[in-house]
Full PDB file with SEQRES, HELIX, SHEET, SSBOND, CRYST1, ORIGX, SCALE, CONECT and MASTER records, all heavy atoms in Angstrom:
SEQRES   1 A   37  GLN ILE THR GLY PRO ARG GLU LYS THR GLY SER THR ASP          
SEQRES   2 A   37  LEU GLY ASN VAL MET TYR GLU VAL PRO GLY CYS CYS ILE          
SEQRES   3 A   37  ARG THR ALA PHE VAL PRO GLU GLY THR ALA ALA                  
HELIX    1 AA1 LEU A   14  VAL A   17  1                                   4    
CRYST1    1.000    1.000    1.000  90.00  90.00  90.00 P 1           1          
ORIGX1      1.000000  0.000000  0.000000        0.00000                         
ORIGX2      0.000000  1.000000  0.000000        0.00000                         
ORIGX3      0.000000  0.000000  1.000000        0.00000                         
SCALE1      1.000000  0.000000  0.000000        0.00000                         
SCALE2      0.000000  1.000000  0.000000        0.00000                         
SCALE3      0.000000  0.000000  1.000000        0.00000                         
ATOM      1  N   GLN A   1    -146.726  72.944  -8.543  1.00  0.00           N  
ATOM      2  CA  GLN A   1    -147.549  73.145  -9.736  1.00  0.00           C  
ATOM      3  C   GLN A   1    -147.703  74.623 -10.107  1.00  0.00           C  
ATOM      4  O   GLN A   1    -148.801  75.113 -10.326  1.00  0.00           O  
ATOM      5  CB  GLN A   1    -148.926  72.490  -9.554  1.00  0.00           C  
ATOM      6  CG  GLN A   1    -148.862  70.990  -9.356  1.00  0.00           C  
ATOM      7  CD  GLN A   1    -150.175  70.372  -8.891  1.00  0.00           C  
ATOM      8  OE1 GLN A   1    -150.167  69.377  -8.178  1.00  0.00           O  
ATOM      9  NE2 GLN A   1    -151.303  70.913  -9.314  1.00  0.00           N  
ATOM     10  N   ILE A   2    -146.572  75.333 -10.180  1.00  0.00           N  
ATOM     11  CA  ILE A   2    -146.600  76.754 -10.530  1.00  0.00           C  
ATOM     12  C   ILE A   2    -146.877  76.915 -12.022  1.00  0.00           C  
ATOM     13  O   ILE A   2    -146.255  76.259 -12.850  1.00  0.00           O  
ATOM     14  CB  ILE A   2    -145.268  77.435 -10.159  1.00  0.00           C  
ATOM     15  CG1 ILE A   2    -145.090  77.441  -8.633  1.00  0.00           C  
ATOM     16  CG2 ILE A   2    -145.215  78.868 -10.696  1.00  0.00           C  
ATOM     17  CD1 ILE A   2    -143.766  78.025  -8.169  1.00  0.00           C  
ATOM     18  N   THR A   3    -147.822  77.789 -12.351  1.00  0.00           N  
ATOM     19  CA  THR A   3    -148.145  78.095 -13.742  1.00  0.00           C  
ATOM     20  C   THR A   3    -148.193  79.611 -13.925  1.00  0.00           C  
ATOM     21  O   THR A   3    -148.101  80.372 -12.957  1.00  0.00           O  
ATOM     22  CB  THR A   3    -149.495  77.488 -14.159  1.00  0.00           C  
ATOM     23  OG1 THR A   3    -150.541  78.100 -13.374  1.00  0.00           O  
ATOM     24  CG2 THR A   3    -149.511  75.984 -13.948  1.00  0.00           C  
ATOM     25  N   GLY A   4    -148.352  80.038 -15.169  1.00  0.00           N  
ATOM     26  CA  GLY A   4    -148.527  81.456 -15.450  1.00  0.00           C  
ATOM     27  C   GLY A   4    -149.861  81.966 -14.950  1.00  0.00           C  
ATOM     28  O   GLY A   4    -150.725  81.186 -14.532  1.00  0.00           O  
ATOM     29  N   PRO A   5    -150.062  83.278 -14.961  1.00  0.00           N  
ATOM     30  CA  PRO A   5    -151.313  83.844 -14.454  1.00  0.00           C  
ATOM     31  C   PRO A   5    -152.518  83.409 -15.265  1.00  0.00           C  
ATOM     32  O   PRO A   5    -152.428  83.195 -16.473  1.00  0.00           O  
ATOM     33  CB  PRO A   5    -151.082  85.359 -14.559  1.00  0.00           C  
ATOM     34  CG  PRO A   5    -150.020  85.524 -15.583  1.00  0.00           C  
ATOM     35  CD  PRO A   5    -149.135  84.318 -15.467  1.00  0.00           C  
ATOM     36  N   ARG A   6    -153.638  83.271 -14.586  1.00  0.00           N  
ATOM     37  CA  ARG A   6    -154.889  82.923 -15.250  1.00  0.00           C  
ATOM     38  C   ARG A   6    -155.447  84.159 -15.951  1.00  0.00           C  
ATOM     39  O   ARG A   6    -155.654  85.199 -15.330  1.00  0.00           O  
ATOM     40  CB  ARG A   6    -155.907  82.372 -14.256  1.00  0.00           C  
ATOM     41  CG  ARG A   6    -155.487  81.092 -13.578  1.00  0.00           C  
ATOM     42  CD  ARG A   6    -156.671  80.356 -12.986  1.00  0.00           C  
ATOM     43  NE  ARG A   6    -157.493  81.158 -12.139  1.00  0.00           N  
ATOM     44  CZ  ARG A   6    -158.645  80.735 -11.578  1.00  0.00           C  
ATOM     45  NH1 ARG A   6    -159.062  79.510 -11.797  1.00  0.00           N  
ATOM     46  NH2 ARG A   6    -159.346  81.524 -10.805  1.00  0.00           N  
ATOM     47  N   GLU A   7    -155.708  84.015 -17.252  1.00  0.00           N  
ATOM     48  CA  GLU A   7    -156.259  85.115 -18.027  1.00  0.00           C  
ATOM     49  C   GLU A   7    -157.727  85.343 -17.732  1.00  0.00           C  
ATOM     50  O   GLU A   7    -158.216  86.463 -17.813  1.00  0.00           O  
ATOM     51  CB  GLU A   7    -156.072  84.844 -19.522  1.00  0.00           C  
ATOM     52  CG  GLU A   7    -154.624  84.808 -19.988  1.00  0.00           C  
ATOM     53  CD  GLU A   7    -153.992  86.182 -20.069  1.00  0.00           C  
ATOM     54  OE1 GLU A   7    -154.739  87.185 -20.091  1.00  0.00           O  
ATOM     55  OE2 GLU A   7    -152.746  86.259 -20.089  1.00  0.00           O  
ATOM     56  N   LYS A   8    -158.419  84.255 -17.413  1.00  0.00           N  
ATOM     57  CA  LYS A   8    -159.855  84.343 -17.193  1.00  0.00           C  
ATOM     58  C   LYS A   8    -160.246  83.491 -15.994  1.00  0.00           C  
ATOM     59  O   LYS A   8    -159.675  82.436 -15.761  1.00  0.00           O  
ATOM     60  CB  LYS A   8    -160.629  83.885 -18.428  1.00  0.00           C  
ATOM     61  CG  LYS A   8    -160.449  84.769 -19.653  1.00  0.00           C  
ATOM     62  CD  LYS A   8    -161.311  84.291 -20.806  1.00  0.00           C  
ATOM     63  CE  LYS A   8    -161.195  85.218 -22.001  1.00  0.00           C  
ATOM     64  NZ  LYS A   8    -162.076  84.799 -23.122  1.00  0.00           N  
ATOM     65  N   THR A   9    -161.216  83.984 -15.257  1.00  0.00           N  
ATOM     66  CA  THR A   9    -161.764  83.213 -14.157  1.00  0.00           C  
ATOM     67  C   THR A   9    -163.188  83.679 -13.902  1.00  0.00           C  
ATOM     68  O   THR A   9    -163.720  84.510 -14.637  1.00  0.00           O  
ATOM     69  CB  THR A   9    -160.889  83.354 -12.896  1.00  0.00           C  
ATOM     70  OG1 THR A   9    -161.396  82.506 -11.866  1.00  0.00           O  
ATOM     71  CG2 THR A   9    -160.856  84.786 -12.404  1.00  0.00           C  
ATOM     72  N   GLY A  10    -163.809  83.154 -12.861  1.00  0.00           N  
ATOM     73  CA  GLY A  10    -165.194  83.504 -12.557  1.00  0.00           C  
ATOM     74  C   GLY A  10    -165.305  84.845 -11.850  1.00  0.00           C  
ATOM     75  O   GLY A  10    -164.608  85.795 -12.195  1.00  0.00           O  
ATOM     76  N   SER A  11    -166.164  84.911 -10.856  1.00  0.00           N  
ATOM     77  CA  SER A  11    -166.426  86.172 -10.162  1.00  0.00           C  
ATOM     78  C   SER A  11    -166.066  86.042  -8.695  1.00  0.00           C  
ATOM     79  O   SER A  11    -166.199  84.974  -8.099  1.00  0.00           O  
ATOM     80  CB  SER A  11    -167.903  86.558 -10.306  1.00  0.00           C  
ATOM     81  OG  SER A  11    -168.303  86.572 -11.664  1.00  0.00           O  
ATOM     82  N   THR A  12    -165.617  87.140  -8.105  1.00  0.00           N  
ATOM     83  CA  THR A  12    -165.277  87.172  -6.691  1.00  0.00           C  
ATOM     84  C   THR A  12    -165.487  88.576  -6.153  1.00  0.00           C  
ATOM     85  O   THR A  12    -165.248  89.569  -6.842  1.00  0.00           O  
ATOM     86  CB  THR A  12    -163.824  86.730  -6.443  1.00  0.00           C  
ATOM     87  OG1 THR A  12    -163.491  86.968  -5.053  1.00  0.00           O  
ATOM     88  CG2 THR A  12    -162.843  87.503  -7.316  1.00  0.00           C  
ATOM     89  N   ASP A  13    -165.894  88.663  -4.893  1.00  0.00           N  
ATOM     90  CA  ASP A  13    -166.068  89.979  -4.283  1.00  0.00           C  
ATOM     91  C   ASP A  13    -164.736  90.640  -3.952  1.00  0.00           C  
ATOM     92  O   ASP A  13    -164.709  91.825  -3.592  1.00  0.00           O  
ATOM     93  CB  ASP A  13    -166.970  89.918  -3.049  1.00  0.00           C  
ATOM     94  CG  ASP A  13    -166.554  88.882  -2.026  1.00  0.00           C  
ATOM     95  OD1 ASP A  13    -165.477  88.270  -2.182  1.00  0.00           O  
ATOM     96  OD2 ASP A  13    -167.297  88.655  -1.049  1.00  0.00           O  
ATOM     97  N   LEU A  14    -163.622  89.910  -4.077  1.00  0.00           N  
ATOM     98  CA  LEU A  14    -162.316  90.563  -3.976  1.00  0.00           C  
ATOM     99  C   LEU A  14    -162.153  91.601  -5.074  1.00  0.00           C  
ATOM    100  O   LEU A  14    -161.447  92.594  -4.889  1.00  0.00           O  
ATOM    101  CB  LEU A  14    -161.189  89.523  -4.053  1.00  0.00           C  
ATOM    102  CG  LEU A  14    -159.754  90.083  -4.012  1.00  0.00           C  
ATOM    103  CD1 LEU A  14    -159.483  90.815  -2.701  1.00  0.00           C  
ATOM    104  CD2 LEU A  14    -158.732  88.963  -4.227  1.00  0.00           C  
ATOM    105  N   GLY A  15    -162.803  91.384  -6.222  1.00  0.00           N  
ATOM    106  CA  GLY A  15    -162.751  92.365  -7.300  1.00  0.00           C  
ATOM    107  C   GLY A  15    -163.209  93.738  -6.843  1.00  0.00           C  
ATOM    108  O   GLY A  15    -162.632  94.764  -7.232  1.00  0.00           O  
ATOM    109  N   ASN A  16    -164.223  93.802  -5.985  1.00  0.00           N  
ATOM    110  CA  ASN A  16    -164.709  95.082  -5.465  1.00  0.00           C  
ATOM    111  C   ASN A  16    -163.682  95.744  -4.561  1.00  0.00           C  
ATOM    112  O   ASN A  16    -163.487  96.966  -4.601  1.00  0.00           O  
ATOM    113  CB  ASN A  16    -166.020  94.870  -4.702  1.00  0.00           C  
ATOM    114  CG  ASN A  16    -167.145  94.387  -5.595  1.00  0.00           C  
ATOM    115  OD1 ASN A  16    -167.037  93.347  -6.239  1.00  0.00           O  
ATOM    116  ND2 ASN A  16    -168.237  95.125  -5.647  1.00  0.00           N  
ATOM    117  N   VAL A  17    -163.009  94.947  -3.732  1.00  0.00           N  
ATOM    118  CA  VAL A  17    -161.987  95.482  -2.836  1.00  0.00           C  
ATOM    119  C   VAL A  17    -160.839  96.079  -3.636  1.00  0.00           C  
ATOM    120  O   VAL A  17    -160.234  97.078  -3.236  1.00  0.00           O  
ATOM    121  CB  VAL A  17    -161.470  94.389  -1.887  1.00  0.00           C  
ATOM    122  CG1 VAL A  17    -160.372  94.942  -0.968  1.00  0.00           C  
ATOM    123  CG2 VAL A  17    -162.607  93.799  -1.065  1.00  0.00           C  
ATOM    124  N   MET A  18    -160.557  95.503  -4.808  1.00  0.00           N  
ATOM    125  CA  MET A  18    -159.448  95.970  -5.629  1.00  0.00           C  
ATOM    126  C   MET A  18    -159.740  97.289  -6.323  1.00  0.00           C  
ATOM    127  O   MET A  18    -158.894  97.804  -7.050  1.00  0.00           O  
ATOM    128  CB  MET A  18    -159.049  94.884  -6.634  1.00  0.00           C  
ATOM    129  CG  MET A  18    -158.389  93.678  -5.945  1.00  0.00           C  
ATOM    130  SD  MET A  18    -158.197  92.204  -6.997  1.00  0.00           S  
ATOM    131  CE  MET A  18    -157.013  92.786  -8.172  1.00  0.00           C  
ATOM    132  N   TYR A  19    -160.931  97.864  -6.120  1.00  0.00           N  
ATOM    133  CA  TYR A  19    -161.211  99.237  -6.496  1.00  0.00           C  
ATOM    134  C   TYR A  19    -160.858 100.187  -5.349  1.00  0.00           C  
ATOM    135  O   TYR A  19    -160.863 101.390  -5.519  1.00  0.00           O  
ATOM    136  CB  TYR A  19    -162.687  99.410  -6.884  1.00  0.00           C  
ATOM    137  CG  TYR A  19    -163.010  98.884  -8.265  1.00  0.00           C  
ATOM    138  CD1 TYR A  19    -163.030  97.524  -8.522  1.00  0.00           C  
ATOM    139  CD2 TYR A  19    -163.285  99.750  -9.323  1.00  0.00           C  
ATOM    140  CE1 TYR A  19    -163.313  97.034  -9.781  1.00  0.00           C  
ATOM    141  CE2 TYR A  19    -163.577  99.270 -10.585  1.00  0.00           C  
ATOM    142  CZ  TYR A  19    -163.583  97.899 -10.813  1.00  0.00           C  
ATOM    143  OH  TYR A  19    -163.865  97.416 -12.079  1.00  0.00           O  
ATOM    144  N   GLU A  20    -160.570  99.626  -4.187  1.00  0.00           N  
ATOM    145  CA  GLU A  20    -160.212 100.397  -3.002  1.00  0.00           C  
ATOM    146  C   GLU A  20    -158.692 100.476  -2.835  1.00  0.00           C  
ATOM    147  O   GLU A  20    -158.140 101.555  -2.592  1.00  0.00           O  
ATOM    148  CB  GLU A  20    -160.827  99.745  -1.758  1.00  0.00           C  
ATOM    149  CG  GLU A  20    -160.708 100.556  -0.484  1.00  0.00           C  
ATOM    150  CD  GLU A  20    -161.767 101.625  -0.372  1.00  0.00           C  
ATOM    151  OE1 GLU A  20    -162.952 101.394  -0.666  1.00  0.00           O  
ATOM    152  OE2 GLU A  20    -161.377 102.735   0.022  1.00  0.00           O  
ATOM    153  N   VAL A  21    -158.019  99.323  -2.972  1.00  0.00           N  
ATOM    154  CA  VAL A  21    -156.572  99.218  -2.782  1.00  0.00           C  
ATOM    155  C   VAL A  21    -156.016  98.175  -3.750  1.00  0.00           C  
ATOM    156  O   VAL A  21    -156.762  97.329  -4.247  1.00  0.00           O  
ATOM    157  CB  VAL A  21    -156.212  98.806  -1.336  1.00  0.00           C  
ATOM    158  CG1 VAL A  21    -156.584  99.903  -0.345  1.00  0.00           C  
ATOM    159  CG2 VAL A  21    -156.880  97.476  -0.965  1.00  0.00           C  
ATOM    160  N   PRO A  22    -154.698  98.194  -4.021  1.00  0.00           N  
ATOM    161  CA  PRO A  22    -154.108  97.110  -4.800  1.00  0.00           C  
ATOM    162  C   PRO A  22    -154.312  95.781  -4.085  1.00  0.00           C  
ATOM    163  O   PRO A  22    -154.227  95.705  -2.862  1.00  0.00           O  
ATOM    164  CB  PRO A  22    -152.614  97.479  -4.858  1.00  0.00           C  
ATOM    165  CG  PRO A  22    -152.561  98.940  -4.527  1.00  0.00           C  
ATOM    166  CD  PRO A  22    -153.707  99.210  -3.613  1.00  0.00           C  
ATOM    167  N   GLY A  23    -154.601  94.740  -4.849  1.00  0.00           N  
ATOM    168  CA  GLY A  23    -154.873  93.453  -4.235  1.00  0.00           C  
ATOM    169  C   GLY A  23    -154.444  92.292  -5.100  1.00  0.00           C  
ATOM    170  O   GLY A  23    -154.218  92.429  -6.302  1.00  0.00           O  
ATOM    171  N   CYS A  24    -154.331  91.127  -4.456  1.00  0.00           N  
ATOM    172  CA  CYS A  24    -153.955  89.914  -5.173  1.00  0.00           C  
ATOM    173  C   CYS A  24    -154.314  88.702  -4.330  1.00  0.00           C  
ATOM    174  O   CYS A  24    -154.220  88.739  -3.095  1.00  0.00           O  
ATOM    175  CB  CYS A  24    -152.456  89.899  -5.477  1.00  0.00           C  
ATOM    176  SG  CYS A  24    -151.915  88.430  -6.410  1.00  0.00           S  
ATOM    177  N   CYS A  25    -154.715  87.646  -4.999  1.00  0.00           N  
ATOM    178  CA  CYS A  25    -154.966  86.361  -4.349  1.00  0.00           C  
ATOM    179  C   CYS A  25    -154.001  85.334  -4.921  1.00  0.00           C  
ATOM    180  O   CYS A  25    -153.977  85.118  -6.141  1.00  0.00           O  
ATOM    181  CB  CYS A  25    -156.418  85.917  -4.578  1.00  0.00           C  
ATOM    182  SG  CYS A  25    -156.803  84.278  -3.910  1.00  0.00           S  
ATOM    183  N   ILE A  26    -153.203  84.705  -4.075  1.00  0.00           N  
ATOM    184  CA  ILE A  26    -152.337  83.623  -4.521  1.00  0.00           C  
ATOM    185  C   ILE A  26    -153.124  82.317  -4.445  1.00  0.00           C  
ATOM    186  O   ILE A  26    -153.677  81.959  -3.396  1.00  0.00           O  
ATOM    187  CB  ILE A  26    -151.034  83.528  -3.687  1.00  0.00           C  
ATOM    188  CG1 ILE A  26    -150.184  82.334  -4.166  1.00  0.00           C  
ATOM    189  CG2 ILE A  26    -151.322  83.455  -2.199  1.00  0.00           C  
ATOM    190  CD1 ILE A  26    -149.707  82.429  -5.589  1.00  0.00           C  
ATOM    191  N   ARG A  27    -153.217  81.656  -5.559  1.00  0.00           N  
ATOM    192  CA  ARG A  27    -153.852  80.342  -5.608  1.00  0.00           C  
ATOM    193  C   ARG A  27    -152.779  79.282  -5.418  1.00  0.00           C  
ATOM    194  O   ARG A  27    -151.766  79.297  -6.114  1.00  0.00           O  
ATOM    195  CB  ARG A  27    -154.594  80.163  -6.932  1.00  0.00           C  
ATOM    196  CG  ARG A  27    -155.697  81.211  -7.110  1.00  0.00           C  
ATOM    197  CD  ARG A  27    -156.513  81.023  -8.375  1.00  0.00           C  
ATOM    198  NE  ARG A  27    -157.533  82.053  -8.466  1.00  0.00           N  
ATOM    199  CZ  ARG A  27    -158.745  81.963  -7.931  1.00  0.00           C  
ATOM    200  NH1 ARG A  27    -159.088  80.861  -7.270  1.00  0.00           N  
ATOM    201  NH2 ARG A  27    -159.624  82.948  -8.036  1.00  0.00           N  
ATOM    202  N   THR A  28    -152.996  78.374  -4.469  1.00  0.00           N  
ATOM    203  CA  THR A  28    -151.998  77.361  -4.161  1.00  0.00           C  
ATOM    204  C   THR A  28    -152.554  75.978  -4.479  1.00  0.00           C  
ATOM    205  O   THR A  28    -153.675  75.639  -4.105  1.00  0.00           O  
ATOM    206  CB  THR A  28    -151.560  77.436  -2.687  1.00  0.00           C  
ATOM    207  OG1 THR A  28    -152.705  77.343  -1.829  1.00  0.00           O  
ATOM    208  CG2 THR A  28    -150.855  78.754  -2.412  1.00  0.00           C  
ATOM    209  N   ALA A  29    -151.742  75.176  -5.152  1.00  0.00           N  
ATOM    210  CA  ALA A  29    -152.197  73.900  -5.701  1.00  0.00           C  
ATOM    211  C   ALA A  29    -152.404  72.840  -4.624  1.00  0.00           C  
ATOM    212  O   ALA A  29    -151.560  72.679  -3.726  1.00  0.00           O  
ATOM    213  CB  ALA A  29    -151.191  73.401  -6.731  1.00  0.00           C  
ATOM    214  N   PHE A  30    -153.510  72.114  -4.728  1.00  0.00           N  
ATOM    215  CA  PHE A  30    -153.756  70.977  -3.839  1.00  0.00           C  
ATOM    216  C   PHE A  30    -154.456  69.823  -4.559  1.00  0.00           C  
ATOM    217  O   PHE A  30    -154.657  68.765  -3.970  1.00  0.00           O  
ATOM    218  CB  PHE A  30    -154.550  71.418  -2.606  1.00  0.00           C  
ATOM    219  CG  PHE A  30    -156.049  71.516  -2.806  1.00  0.00           C  
ATOM    220  CD1 PHE A  30    -156.905  70.674  -2.135  1.00  0.00           C  
ATOM    221  CD2 PHE A  30    -156.590  72.469  -3.662  1.00  0.00           C  
ATOM    222  CE1 PHE A  30    -158.283  70.761  -2.299  1.00  0.00           C  
ATOM    223  CE2 PHE A  30    -157.953  72.566  -3.830  1.00  0.00           C  
ATOM    224  CZ  PHE A  30    -158.811  71.718  -3.151  1.00  0.00           C  
ATOM    225  N   VAL A  31    -154.864  70.023  -5.797  1.00  0.00           N  
ATOM    226  CA  VAL A  31    -155.490  68.988  -6.622  1.00  0.00           C  
ATOM    227  C   VAL A  31    -154.790  68.969  -7.978  1.00  0.00           C  
ATOM    228  O   VAL A  31    -154.078  69.916  -8.329  1.00  0.00           O  
ATOM    229  CB  VAL A  31    -157.008  69.237  -6.801  1.00  0.00           C  
ATOM    230  CG1 VAL A  31    -157.757  69.022  -5.498  1.00  0.00           C  
ATOM    231  CG2 VAL A  31    -157.266  70.647  -7.339  1.00  0.00           C  
ATOM    232  N   PRO A  32    -154.952  67.925  -8.776  1.00  0.00           N  
ATOM    233  CA  PRO A  32    -154.320  67.885 -10.095  1.00  0.00           C  
ATOM    234  C   PRO A  32    -154.767  69.043 -10.985  1.00  0.00           C  
ATOM    235  O   PRO A  32    -155.898  69.516 -10.874  1.00  0.00           O  
ATOM    236  CB  PRO A  32    -154.781  66.532 -10.663  1.00  0.00           C  
ATOM    237  CG  PRO A  32    -155.101  65.702  -9.469  1.00  0.00           C  
ATOM    238  CD  PRO A  32    -155.644  66.654  -8.450  1.00  0.00           C  
ATOM    239  N   GLU A  33    -153.861  69.497 -11.851  1.00  0.00           N  
ATOM    240  CA  GLU A  33    -154.199  70.564 -12.786  1.00  0.00           C  
ATOM    241  C   GLU A  33    -155.403  70.171 -13.630  1.00  0.00           C  
ATOM    242  O   GLU A  33    -155.519  69.036 -14.076  1.00  0.00           O  
ATOM    243  CB  GLU A  33    -153.003  70.884 -13.685  1.00  0.00           C  
ATOM    244  CG  GLU A  33    -151.852  71.577 -12.950  1.00  0.00           C  
ATOM    245  CD  GLU A  33    -150.759  72.052 -13.883  1.00  0.00           C  
ATOM    246  OE1 GLU A  33    -151.119  72.588 -14.948  1.00  0.00           O  
ATOM    247  OE2 GLU A  33    -149.568  71.904 -13.553  1.00  0.00           O  
ATOM    248  N   GLY A  34    -156.283  71.133 -13.853  1.00  0.00           N  
ATOM    249  CA  GLY A  34    -157.483  70.887 -14.637  1.00  0.00           C  
ATOM    250  C   GLY A  34    -158.690  70.481 -13.817  1.00  0.00           C  
ATOM    251  O   GLY A  34    -159.797  70.403 -14.359  1.00  0.00           O  
ATOM    252  N   THR A  35    -158.522  70.226 -12.525  1.00  0.00           N  
ATOM    253  CA  THR A  35    -159.643  69.852 -11.670  1.00  0.00           C  
ATOM    254  C   THR A  35    -160.601  71.033 -11.519  1.00  0.00           C  
ATOM    255  O   THR A  35    -160.179  72.159 -11.260  1.00  0.00           O  
ATOM    256  CB  THR A  35    -159.162  69.406 -10.285  1.00  0.00           C  
ATOM    257  OG1 THR A  35    -158.216  68.344 -10.427  1.00  0.00           O  
ATOM    258  CG2 THR A  35    -160.328  68.924  -9.431  1.00  0.00           C  
ATOM    259  N   ALA A  36    -161.888  70.774 -11.684  1.00  0.00           N  
ATOM    260  CA  ALA A  36    -162.887  71.835 -11.608  1.00  0.00           C  
ATOM    261  C   ALA A  36    -163.193  72.184 -10.157  1.00  0.00           C  
ATOM    262  O   ALA A  36    -163.289  71.296  -9.295  1.00  0.00           O  
ATOM    263  CB  ALA A  36    -164.169  71.411 -12.321  1.00  0.00           C  
ATOM    264  N   ALA A  37    -163.342  73.488  -9.895  1.00  0.00           N  
ATOM    265  CA  ALA A  37    -163.784  73.936  -8.578  1.00  0.00           C  
ATOM    266  C   ALA A  37    -165.235  73.548  -8.358  1.00  0.00           C  
ATOM    267  O   ALA A  37    -165.972  73.255  -9.293  1.00  0.00           O  
ATOM    268  CB  ALA A  37    -163.598  75.442  -8.444  1.00  0.00           C  
TER     269      ALA A  37                                                      
MASTER        0    0    0    1    0    0    0    6  268    1    0    3          
END                                                                             
């Protein structure tokens, strides 16, 4: 279920770490597309 990058999402403290170093989180599919977290 590979898709393009998400333009918008909620909040995460990884955002703070990405002011320290380059960072990225790979999201891997396990539920149908469109399923709410």
